[in-house]
Amino acid sequence: MTALALTALTFAGCTTTEGRLIAASTASGTVAAGVTLPDFPAECREKMPRVVPKDGEKWRWVQKRWEIVADGEDARMARCAAFYDHVDAGFGGAGK
């Protein structure tokens, strides 16, 4: 009876070890295969334009120009976020 129990434990241990080896080799193969990401859009690397006051320009117009630039920056960031979300979804959403 004891021998039967030991034999059962031995086979159960082999199955567990085999399962671990398969999982490890699968993970190793996935890492070795690598990932090719698409190029990041060039606009996502651009710096925000600066709003420099012009001689004699009223401050309210400087502020208005800054708001226009800031709105453009927000739209650019939204496009870059949408690009990243699209790439992330292609990899099964692992980045969130």
PDB file of N, CA and C in Angstrom:
ATOM      1  N   MET A   1       0.830  -1.191   0.000  1.00  0.00           N
ATOM      2  CA  MET A   1       0.000   0.000   0.000  1.00  0.00           C
ATOM      3  C   MET A   1       0.873   1.252   0.000  1.00  0.00           C
ATOM      4  N   THR A   2       1.923   1.224   0.811  1.00  0.00           N
ATOM      5  CA  THR A   2       2.842   2.359   0.873  1.00  0.00           C
ATOM      6  C   THR A   2       3.557   2.535  -0.458  1.00  0.00           C
ATOM      7  N   ALA A   3       3.936   1.426  -1.067  1.00  0.00           N
ATOM      8  CA  ALA A   3       4.621   1.492  -2.361  1.00  0.00           C
ATOM      9  C   ALA A   3       3.703   2.092  -3.420  1.00  0.00           C
ATOM     10  N   LEU A   4       2.422   1.751  -3.370  1.00  0.00           N
ATOM     11  CA  LEU A   4       1.466   2.300  -4.330  1.00  0.00           C
ATOM     12  C   LEU A   4       1.327   3.810  -4.150  1.00  0.00           C
ATOM     13  N   ALA A   5       1.284   4.256  -2.903  1.00  0.00           N
ATOM     14  CA  ALA A   5       1.182   5.688  -2.617  1.00  0.00           C
ATOM     15  C   ALA A   5       2.429   6.419  -3.091  1.00  0.00           C
ATOM     16  N   LEU A   6       3.604   5.831  -2.866  1.00  0.00           N
ATOM     17  CA  LEU A   6       4.859   6.459  -3.307  1.00  0.00           C
ATOM     18  C   LEU A   6       4.928   6.520  -4.830  1.00  0.00           C
ATOM     19  N   THR A   7       4.466   5.478  -5.487  1.00  0.00           N
ATOM     20  CA  THR A   7       4.464   5.459  -6.951  1.00  0.00           C
ATOM     21  C   THR A   7       3.531   6.537  -7.494  1.00  0.00           C
ATOM     22  N   ALA A   8       2.370   6.675  -6.888  1.00  0.00           N
ATOM     23  CA  ALA A   8       1.414   7.698  -7.316  1.00  0.00           C
ATOM     24  C   ALA A   8       2.008   9.098  -7.115  1.00  0.00           C
ATOM     25  N   LEU A   9       2.675   9.320  -5.975  1.00  0.00           N
ATOM     26  CA  LEU A   9       3.292  10.620  -5.714  1.00  0.00           C
ATOM     27  C   LEU A   9       4.422  10.904  -6.709  1.00  0.00           C
ATOM     28  N   THR A  10       5.167   9.864  -7.060  1.00  0.00           N
ATOM     29  CA  THR A  10       6.268  10.026  -8.003  1.00  0.00           C
ATOM     30  C   THR A  10       5.745  10.446  -9.369  1.00  0.00           C
ATOM     31  N   PHE A  11       4.694   9.776  -9.851  1.00  0.00           N
ATOM     32  CA  PHE A  11       4.132  10.136 -11.154  1.00  0.00           C
ATOM     33  C   PHE A  11       3.485  11.523 -11.119  1.00  0.00           C
ATOM     34  N   ALA A  12       2.872  11.857 -10.013  1.00  0.00           N
ATOM     35  CA  ALA A  12       2.278  13.187  -9.884  1.00  0.00           C
ATOM     36  C   ALA A  12       3.380  14.240  -9.906  1.00  0.00           C
ATOM     37  N   GLY A  13       4.489  13.954  -9.273  1.00  0.00           N
ATOM     38  CA  GLY A  13       5.613  14.887  -9.275  1.00  0.00           C
ATOM     39  C   GLY A  13       6.187  15.069 -10.666  1.00  0.00           C
ATOM     40  N   CYS A  14       6.256  13.997 -11.453  1.00  0.00           N
ATOM     41  CA  CYS A  14       6.776  14.089 -12.824  1.00  0.00           C
ATOM     42  C   CYS A  14       5.864  14.938 -13.690  1.00  0.00           C
ATOM     43  N   THR A  15       4.569  14.752 -13.499  1.00  0.00           N
ATOM     44  CA  THR A  15       3.618  15.532 -14.276  1.00  0.00           C
ATOM     45  C   THR A  15       3.781  17.013 -13.951  1.00  0.00           C
ATOM     46  N   THR A  16       3.935  17.328 -12.679  1.00  0.00           N
ATOM     47  CA  THR A  16       4.114  18.708 -12.266  1.00  0.00           C
ATOM     48  C   THR A  16       5.413  19.264 -12.838  1.00  0.00           C
ATOM     49  N   THR A  17       6.474  18.493 -12.763  1.00  0.00           N
ATOM     50  CA  THR A  17       7.756  18.933 -13.299  1.00  0.00           C
ATOM     51  C   THR A  17       7.677  19.104 -14.817  1.00  0.00           C
ATOM     52  N   GLU A  18       7.033  18.164 -15.478  1.00  0.00           N
ATOM     53  CA  GLU A  18       6.887  18.256 -16.927  1.00  0.00           C
ATOM     54  C   GLU A  18       6.079  19.495 -17.311  1.00  0.00           C
ATOM     55  N   GLY A  19       5.014  19.745 -16.565  1.00  0.00           N
ATOM     56  CA  GLY A  19       4.201  20.936 -16.824  1.00  0.00           C
ATOM     57  C   GLY A  19       5.001  22.212 -16.637  1.00  0.00           C
ATOM     58  N   ARG A  20       5.836  22.225 -15.597  1.00  0.00           N
ATOM     59  CA  ARG A  20       6.681  23.395 -15.358  1.00  0.00           C
ATOM     60  C   ARG A  20       7.688  23.577 -16.482  1.00  0.00           C
ATOM     61  N   LEU A  21       8.270  22.477 -16.945  1.00  0.00           N
ATOM     62  CA  LEU A  21       9.232  22.566 -18.040  1.00  0.00           C
ATOM     63  C   LEU A  21       8.582  23.082 -19.318  1.00  0.00           C
ATOM     64  N   ILE A  22       7.380  22.617 -19.589  1.00  0.00           N
ATOM     65  CA  ILE A  22       6.665  23.081 -20.789  1.00  0.00           C
ATOM     66  C   ILE A  22       6.359  24.573 -20.675  1.00  0.00           C
ATOM     67  N   ALA A  23       5.886  24.987 -19.505  1.00  0.00           N
ATOM     68  CA  ALA A  23       5.572  26.402 -19.304  1.00  0.00           C
ATOM     69  C   ALA A  23       6.831  27.262 -19.421  1.00  0.00           C
ATOM     70  N   ALA A  24       7.936  26.787 -18.847  1.00  0.00           N
ATOM     71  CA  ALA A  24       9.180  27.544 -18.911  1.00  0.00           C
ATOM     72  C   ALA A  24       9.708  27.626 -20.340  1.00  0.00           C
ATOM     73  N   SER A  25       9.622  26.539 -21.075  1.00  0.00           N
ATOM     74  CA  SER A  25      10.118  26.562 -22.456  1.00  0.00           C
ATOM     75  C   SER A  25       9.230  27.434 -23.337  1.00  0.00           C
ATOM     76  N   THR A  26       7.942  27.449 -23.072  1.00  0.00           N
ATOM     77  CA  THR A  26       7.032  28.320 -23.828  1.00  0.00           C
ATOM     78  C   THR A  26       7.363  29.783 -23.564  1.00  0.00           C
ATOM     79  N   ALA A  27       7.561  30.126 -22.299  1.00  0.00           N
ATOM     80  CA  ALA A  27       7.914  31.503 -21.946  1.00  0.00           C
ATOM     81  C   ALA A  27       9.262  31.883 -22.543  1.00  0.00           C
ATOM     82  N   SER A  28      10.214  30.975 -22.487  1.00  0.00           N
ATOM     83  CA  SER A  28      11.544  31.233 -23.045  1.00  0.00           C
ATOM     84  C   SER A  28      11.462  31.440 -24.551  1.00  0.00           C
ATOM     85  N   GLY A  29      10.676  30.637 -25.231  1.00  0.00           N
ATOM     86  CA  GLY A  29      10.508  30.777 -26.677  1.00  0.00           C
ATOM     87  C   GLY A  29       9.843  32.080 -27.053  1.00  0.00           C
ATOM     88  N   THR A  30       8.885  32.492 -26.262  1.00  0.00           N
ATOM     89  CA  THR A  30       8.191  33.756 -26.520  1.00  0.00           C
ATOM     90  C   THR A  30       9.158  34.926 -26.400  1.00  0.00           C
ATOM     91  N   VAL A  31       9.985  34.897 -25.370  1.00  0.00           N
ATOM     92  CA  VAL A  31      10.961  35.969 -25.173  1.00  0.00           C
ATOM     93  C   VAL A  31      11.996  35.951 -26.287  1.00  0.00           C
ATOM     94  N   ALA A  32      12.458  34.787 -26.667  1.00  0.00           N
ATOM     95  CA  ALA A  32      13.476  34.672 -27.703  1.00  0.00           C
ATOM     96  C   ALA A  32      12.941  35.122 -29.062  1.00  0.00           C
ATOM     97  N   ALA A  33      11.653  34.942 -29.300  1.00  0.00           N
ATOM     98  CA  ALA A  33      11.066  35.334 -30.581  1.00  0.00           C
ATOM     99  C   ALA A  33      11.108  36.844 -30.757  1.00  0.00           C
ATOM    100  N   GLY A  34      11.038  37.572 -29.655  1.00  0.00           N
ATOM    101  CA  GLY A  34      11.104  39.025 -29.723  1.00  0.00           C
ATOM    102  C   GLY A  34       9.808  39.639 -30.207  1.00  0.00           C
ATOM    103  N   VAL A  35       9.763  40.946 -30.126  1.00  0.00           N
ATOM    104  CA  VAL A  35       8.585  41.687 -30.531  1.00  0.00           C
ATOM    105  C   VAL A  35       9.030  42.811 -31.455  1.00  0.00           C
ATOM    106  N   THR A  36       8.377  42.940 -32.588  1.00  0.00           N
ATOM    107  CA  THR A  36       8.681  44.021 -33.509  1.00  0.00           C
ATOM    108  C   THR A  36       7.573  45.056 -33.392  1.00  0.00           C
ATOM    109  N   LEU A  37       7.898  46.181 -32.801  1.00  0.00           N
ATOM    110  CA  LEU A  37       6.918  47.248 -32.638  1.00  0.00           C
ATOM    111  C   LEU A  37       6.916  48.146 -33.865  1.00  0.00           C
ATOM    112  N   PRO A  38       5.752  48.697 -34.213  1.00  0.00           N
ATOM    113  CA  PRO A  38       5.728  49.661 -35.313  1.00  0.00           C
ATOM    114  C   PRO A  38       6.455  50.941 -34.899  1.00  0.00           C
ATOM    115  N   ASP A  39       6.890  51.725 -35.890  1.00  0.00           N
ATOM    116  CA  ASP A  39       7.558  52.986 -35.592  1.00  0.00           C
ATOM    117  C   ASP A  39       6.601  53.919 -34.853  1.00  0.00           C
ATOM    118  N   PHE A  40       7.144  54.603 -33.851  1.00  0.00           N
ATOM    119  CA  PHE A  40       6.367  55.579 -33.098  1.00  0.00           C
ATOM    120  C   PHE A  40       6.182  56.795 -33.988  1.00  0.00           C
ATOM    121  N   PRO A  41       4.977  57.340 -34.082  1.00  0.00           N
ATOM    122  CA  PRO A  41       4.757  58.503 -34.953  1.00  0.00           C
ATOM    123  C   PRO A  41       5.714  59.648 -34.595  1.00  0.00           C
ATOM    124  N   ALA A  42       6.279  60.290 -35.615  1.00  0.00           N
ATOM    125  CA  ALA A  42       7.242  61.374 -35.399  1.00  0.00           C
ATOM    126  C   ALA A  42       6.625  62.511 -34.594  1.00  0.00           C
ATOM    127  N   GLU A  43       5.348  62.779 -34.813  1.00  0.00           N
ATOM    128  CA  GLU A  43       4.719  63.892 -34.096  1.00  0.00           C
ATOM    129  C   GLU A  43       4.656  63.647 -32.589  1.00  0.00           C
ATOM    130  N   CYS A  44       4.733  62.394 -32.186  1.00  0.00           N
ATOM    131  CA  CYS A  44       4.684  62.087 -30.756  1.00  0.00           C
ATOM    132  C   CYS A  44       6.003  62.420 -30.056  1.00  0.00           C
ATOM    133  N   ARG A  45       7.025  62.708 -30.833  1.00  0.00           N
ATOM    134  CA  ARG A  45       8.325  63.073 -30.270  1.00  0.00           C
ATOM    135  C   ARG A  45       8.597  64.575 -30.350  1.00  0.00           C
ATOM    136  N   GLU A  46       7.716  65.306 -31.005  1.00  0.00           N
ATOM    137  CA  GLU A  46       7.912  66.755 -31.143  1.00  0.00           C
ATOM    138  C   GLU A  46       7.706  67.458 -29.817  1.00  0.00           C
ATOM    139  N   LYS A  47       8.422  68.546 -29.636  1.00  0.00           N
ATOM    140  CA  LYS A  47       8.252  69.361 -28.432  1.00  0.00           C
ATOM    141  C   LYS A  47       7.140  70.365 -28.656  1.00  0.00           C
ATOM    142  N   MET A  48       6.553  70.801 -27.572  1.00  0.00           N
ATOM    143  CA  MET A  48       5.473  71.788 -27.655  1.00  0.00           C
ATOM    144  C   MET A  48       6.032  73.117 -28.161  1.00  0.00           C
ATOM    145  N   PRO A  49       5.363  73.712 -29.150  1.00  0.00           N
ATOM    146  CA  PRO A  49       5.825  75.025 -29.630  1.00  0.00           C
ATOM    147  C   PRO A  49       5.735  76.071 -28.517  1.00  0.00           C
ATOM    148  N   ARG A  50       6.608  77.028 -28.557  1.00  0.00           N
ATOM    149  CA  ARG A  50       6.625  78.096 -27.551  1.00  0.00           C
ATOM    150  C   ARG A  50       5.858  79.305 -28.073  1.00  0.00           C
ATOM    151  N   VAL A  51       5.190  79.969 -27.182  1.00  0.00           N
ATOM    152  CA  VAL A  51       4.479  81.195 -27.524  1.00  0.00           C
ATOM    153  C   VAL A  51       5.301  82.346 -26.957  1.00  0.00           C
ATOM    154  N   VAL A  52       5.915  83.098 -27.862  1.00  0.00           N
ATOM    155  CA  VAL A  52       6.765  84.220 -27.467  1.00  0.00           C
ATOM    156  C   VAL A  52       6.005  85.507 -27.771  1.00  0.00           C
ATOM    157  N   PRO A  53       5.852  86.365 -26.765  1.00  0.00           N
ATOM    158  CA  PRO A  53       5.143  87.626 -27.010  1.00  0.00           C
ATOM    159  C   PRO A  53       5.854  88.464 -28.070  1.00  0.00           C
ATOM    160  N   LYS A  54       5.073  89.097 -28.940  1.00  0.00           N
ATOM    161  CA  LYS A  54       5.611  89.980 -29.974  1.00  0.00           C
ATOM    162  C   LYS A  54       5.630  91.404 -29.431  1.00  0.00           C
ATOM    163  N   ASP A  55       6.503  92.227 -29.967  1.00  0.00           N
ATOM    164  CA  ASP A  55       6.568  93.622 -29.524  1.00  0.00           C
ATOM    165  C   ASP A  55       5.218  94.305 -29.712  1.00  0.00           C
ATOM    166  N   GLY A  56       4.714  94.904 -28.648  1.00  0.00           N
ATOM    167  CA  GLY A  56       3.475  95.654 -28.708  1.00  0.00           C
ATOM    168  C   GLY A  56       2.211  94.796 -28.671  1.00  0.00           C
ATOM    169  N   GLU A  57       2.366  93.480 -28.575  1.00  0.00           N
ATOM    170  CA  GLU A  57       1.190  92.598 -28.556  1.00  0.00           C
ATOM    171  C   GLU A  57       0.538  92.639 -27.173  1.00  0.00           C
ATOM    172  N   LYS A  58      -0.771  92.698 -27.171  1.00  0.00           N
ATOM    173  CA  LYS A  58      -1.485  92.715 -25.896  1.00  0.00           C
ATOM    174  C   LYS A  58      -1.453  91.329 -25.278  1.00  0.00           C
ATOM    175  N   TRP A  59      -1.400  91.303 -23.961  1.00  0.00           N
ATOM    176  CA  TRP A  59      -1.259  90.024 -23.249  1.00  0.00           C
ATOM    177  C   TRP A  59      -2.440  89.088 -23.473  1.00  0.00           C
ATOM    178  N   ARG A  60      -3.615  89.635 -23.694  1.00  0.00           N
ATOM    179  CA  ARG A  60      -4.765  88.749 -23.932  1.00  0.00           C
ATOM    180  C   ARG A  60      -4.583  87.965 -25.227  1.00  0.00           C
ATOM    181  N   TRP A  61      -3.874  88.571 -26.226  1.00  0.00           N
ATOM    182  CA  TRP A  61      -3.625  87.853 -27.477  1.00  0.00           C
ATOM    183  C   TRP A  61      -2.514  86.824 -27.314  1.00  0.00           C
ATOM    184  N   VAL A  62      -1.565  87.144 -26.435  1.00  0.00           N
ATOM    185  CA  VAL A  62      -0.528  86.156 -26.124  1.00  0.00           C
ATOM    186  C   VAL A  62      -1.188  84.943 -25.463  1.00  0.00           C
ATOM    187  N   GLN A  63      -2.093  85.232 -24.534  1.00  0.00           N
ATOM    188  CA  GLN A  63      -2.812  84.155 -23.853  1.00  0.00           C
ATOM    189  C   GLN A  63      -3.648  83.346 -24.844  1.00  0.00           C
ATOM    190  N   LYS A  64      -4.306  84.020 -25.771  1.00  0.00           N
ATOM    191  CA  LYS A  64      -5.131  83.337 -26.772  1.00  0.00           C
ATOM    192  C   LYS A  64      -4.261  82.432 -27.649  1.00  0.00           C
ATOM    193  N   ARG A  65      -3.092  82.933 -28.093  1.00  0.00           N
ATOM    194  CA  ARG A  65      -2.189  82.091 -28.888  1.00  0.00           C
ATOM    195  C   ARG A  65      -1.717  80.887 -28.072  1.00  0.00           C
ATOM    196  N   TRP A  66      -1.437  81.105 -26.788  1.00  0.00           N
ATOM    197  CA  TRP A  66      -0.996  79.989 -25.939  1.00  0.00           C
ATOM    198  C   TRP A  66      -2.107  78.937 -25.830  1.00  0.00           C
ATOM    199  N   GLU A  67      -3.358  79.379 -25.690  1.00  0.00           N
ATOM    200  CA  GLU A  67      -4.477  78.441 -25.610  1.00  0.00           C
ATOM    201  C   GLU A  67      -4.606  77.625 -26.896  1.00  0.00           C
ATOM    202  N   ILE A  68      -4.381  78.255 -28.039  1.00  0.00           N
ATOM    203  CA  ILE A  68      -4.448  77.540 -29.318  1.00  0.00           C
ATOM    204  C   ILE A  68      -3.345  76.483 -29.377  1.00  0.00           C
ATOM    205  N   VAL A  69      -2.140  76.857 -28.968  1.00  0.00           N
ATOM    206  CA  VAL A  69      -1.023  75.910 -28.964  1.00  0.00           C
ATOM    207  C   VAL A  69      -1.310  74.767 -27.986  1.00  0.00           C
ATOM    208  N   ALA A  70      -1.847  75.095 -26.811  1.00  0.00           N
ATOM    209  CA  ALA A  70      -2.156  74.061 -25.813  1.00  0.00           C
ATOM    210  C   ALA A  70      -3.237  73.106 -26.321  1.00  0.00           C
ATOM    211  N   ASP A  71      -4.239  73.633 -27.026  1.00  0.00           N
ATOM    212  CA  ASP A  71      -5.276  72.762 -27.603  1.00  0.00           C
ATOM    213  C   ASP A  71      -4.667  71.818 -28.643  1.00  0.00           C
ATOM    214  N   GLY A  72      -3.765  72.338 -29.454  1.00  0.00           N
ATOM    215  CA  GLY A  72      -3.078  71.493 -30.433  1.00  0.00           C
ATOM    216  C   GLY A  72      -2.243  70.418 -29.754  1.00  0.00           C
ATOM    217  N   GLU A  73      -1.600  70.783 -28.658  1.00  0.00           N
ATOM    218  CA  GLU A  73      -0.794  69.823 -27.896  1.00  0.00           C
ATOM    219  C   GLU A  73      -1.672  68.725 -27.299  1.00  0.00           C
ATOM    220  N   ASP A  74      -2.827  69.115 -26.771  1.00  0.00           N
ATOM    221  CA  ASP A  74      -3.752  68.115 -26.218  1.00  0.00           C
ATOM    222  C   ASP A  74      -4.231  67.144 -27.298  1.00  0.00           C
ATOM    223  N   ALA A  75      -4.517  67.667 -28.501  1.00  0.00           N
ATOM    224  CA  ALA A  75      -4.967  66.813 -29.604  1.00  0.00           C
ATOM    225  C   ALA A  75      -3.851  65.863 -30.027  1.00  0.00           C
ATOM    226  N   ARG A  76      -2.614  66.367 -30.057  1.00  0.00           N
ATOM    227  CA  ARG A  76      -1.475  65.526 -30.426  1.00  0.00           C
ATOM    228  C   ARG A  76      -1.281  64.407 -29.409  1.00  0.00           C
ATOM    229  N   MET A  77      -1.385  64.741 -28.138  1.00  0.00           N
ATOM    230  CA  MET A  77      -1.234  63.731 -27.091  1.00  0.00           C
ATOM    231  C   MET A  77      -2.344  62.682 -27.190  1.00  0.00           C
ATOM    232  N   ALA A  78      -3.547  63.099 -27.555  1.00  0.00           N
ATOM    233  CA  ALA A  78      -4.652  62.140 -27.713  1.00  0.00           C
ATOM    234  C   ALA A  78      -4.365  61.191 -28.875  1.00  0.00           C
ATOM    235  N   ARG A  79      -3.802  61.711 -29.978  1.00  0.00           N
ATOM    236  CA  ARG A  79      -3.456  60.847 -31.113  1.00  0.00           C
ATOM    237  C   ARG A  79      -2.359  59.856 -30.723  1.00  0.00           C
ATOM    238  N   CYS A  80      -1.368  60.326 -29.978  1.00  0.00           N
ATOM    239  CA  CYS A  80      -0.285  59.438 -29.548  1.00  0.00           C
ATOM    240  C   CYS A  80      -0.805  58.370 -28.586  1.00  0.00           C
ATOM    241  N   ALA A  81      -1.715  58.748 -27.703  1.00  0.00           N
ATOM    242  CA  ALA A  81      -2.307  57.770 -26.779  1.00  0.00           C
ATOM    243  C   ALA A  81      -3.129  56.743 -27.547  1.00  0.00           C
ATOM    244  N   ALA A  82      -3.847  57.191 -28.574  1.00  0.00           N
ATOM    245  CA  ALA A  82      -4.638  56.261 -29.384  1.00  0.00           C
ATOM    246  C   ALA A  82      -3.719  55.293 -30.117  1.00  0.00           C
ATOM    247  N   PHE A  83      -2.578  55.785 -30.596  1.00  0.00           N
ATOM    248  CA  PHE A  83      -1.600  54.914 -31.261  1.00  0.00           C
ATOM    249  C   PHE A  83      -1.106  53.856 -30.273  1.00  0.00           C
ATOM    250  N   TYR A  84      -0.718  54.298 -29.068  1.00  0.00           N
ATOM    251  CA  TYR A  84      -0.220  53.346 -28.072  1.00  0.00           C
ATOM    252  C   TYR A  84      -1.307  52.338 -27.715  1.00  0.00           C
ATOM    253  N   ASP A  85      -2.526  52.785 -27.534  1.00  0.00           N
ATOM    254  CA  ASP A  85      -3.622  51.870 -27.193  1.00  0.00           C
ATOM    255  C   ASP A  85      -3.838  50.839 -28.295  1.00  0.00           C
ATOM    256  N   HIS A  86      -3.688  51.274 -29.562  1.00  0.00           N
ATOM    257  CA  HIS A  86      -3.849  50.354 -30.688  1.00  0.00           C
ATOM    258  C   HIS A  86      -2.732  49.295 -30.670  1.00  0.00           C
ATOM    259  N   VAL A  87      -1.498  49.724 -30.435  1.00  0.00           N
ATOM    260  CA  VAL A  87      -0.371  48.778 -30.365  1.00  0.00           C
ATOM    261  C   VAL A  87      -0.555  47.839 -29.182  1.00  0.00           C
ATOM    262  N   ASP A  88      -0.959  48.392 -28.037  1.00  0.00           N
ATOM    263  CA  ASP A  88      -1.157  47.599 -26.835  1.00  0.00           C
ATOM    264  C   ASP A  88      -2.250  46.544 -27.054  1.00  0.00           C
ATOM    265  N   ALA A  89      -3.312  46.937 -27.748  1.00  0.00           N
ATOM    266  CA  ALA A  89      -4.396  45.971 -28.023  1.00  0.00           C
ATOM    267  C   ALA A  89      -3.900  44.856 -28.918  1.00  0.00           C
ATOM    268  N   GLY A  90      -2.961  45.156 -29.798  1.00  0.00           N
ATOM    269  CA  GLY A  90      -2.394  44.127 -30.672  1.00  0.00           C
ATOM    270  C   GLY A  90      -1.606  43.075 -29.907  1.00  0.00           C
ATOM    271  N   PHE A  91      -1.124  43.448 -28.719  1.00  0.00           N
ATOM    272  CA  PHE A  91      -0.391  42.523 -27.875  1.00  0.00           C
ATOM    273  C   PHE A  91      -1.267  41.988 -26.741  1.00  0.00           C
ATOM    274  N   GLY A  92      -2.543  42.117 -26.888  1.00  0.00           N
ATOM    275  CA  GLY A  92      -3.461  41.559 -25.892  1.00  0.00           C
ATOM    276  C   GLY A  92      -3.680  42.443 -24.675  1.00  0.00           C
ATOM    277  N   GLY A  93      -3.342  43.706 -24.774  1.00  0.00           N
ATOM    278  CA  GLY A  93      -3.588  44.635 -23.654  1.00  0.00           C
ATOM    279  C   GLY A  93      -2.671  44.417 -22.465  1.00  0.00           C
ATOM    280  N   ALA A  94      -1.438  44.000 -22.708  1.00  0.00           N
ATOM    281  CA  ALA A  94      -0.501  43.706 -21.608  1.00  0.00           C
ATOM    282  C   ALA A  94       0.023  44.961 -20.940  1.00  0.00           C
ATOM    283  N   GLY A  95      -0.087  46.131 -21.585  1.00  0.00           N
ATOM    284  CA  GLY A  95       0.488  47.349 -21.039  1.00  0.00           C
ATOM    285  C   GLY A  95      -0.364  48.053 -20.008  1.00  0.00           C
ATOM    286  N   LYS A  96      -1.541  47.573 -19.754  1.00  0.00           N
ATOM    287  CA  LYS A  96      -2.421  48.265 -18.804  1.00  0.00           C
ATOM    288  C   LYS A  96      -2.483  47.550 -17.498  1.00  0.00           C
TER     289      LYS A  96
END
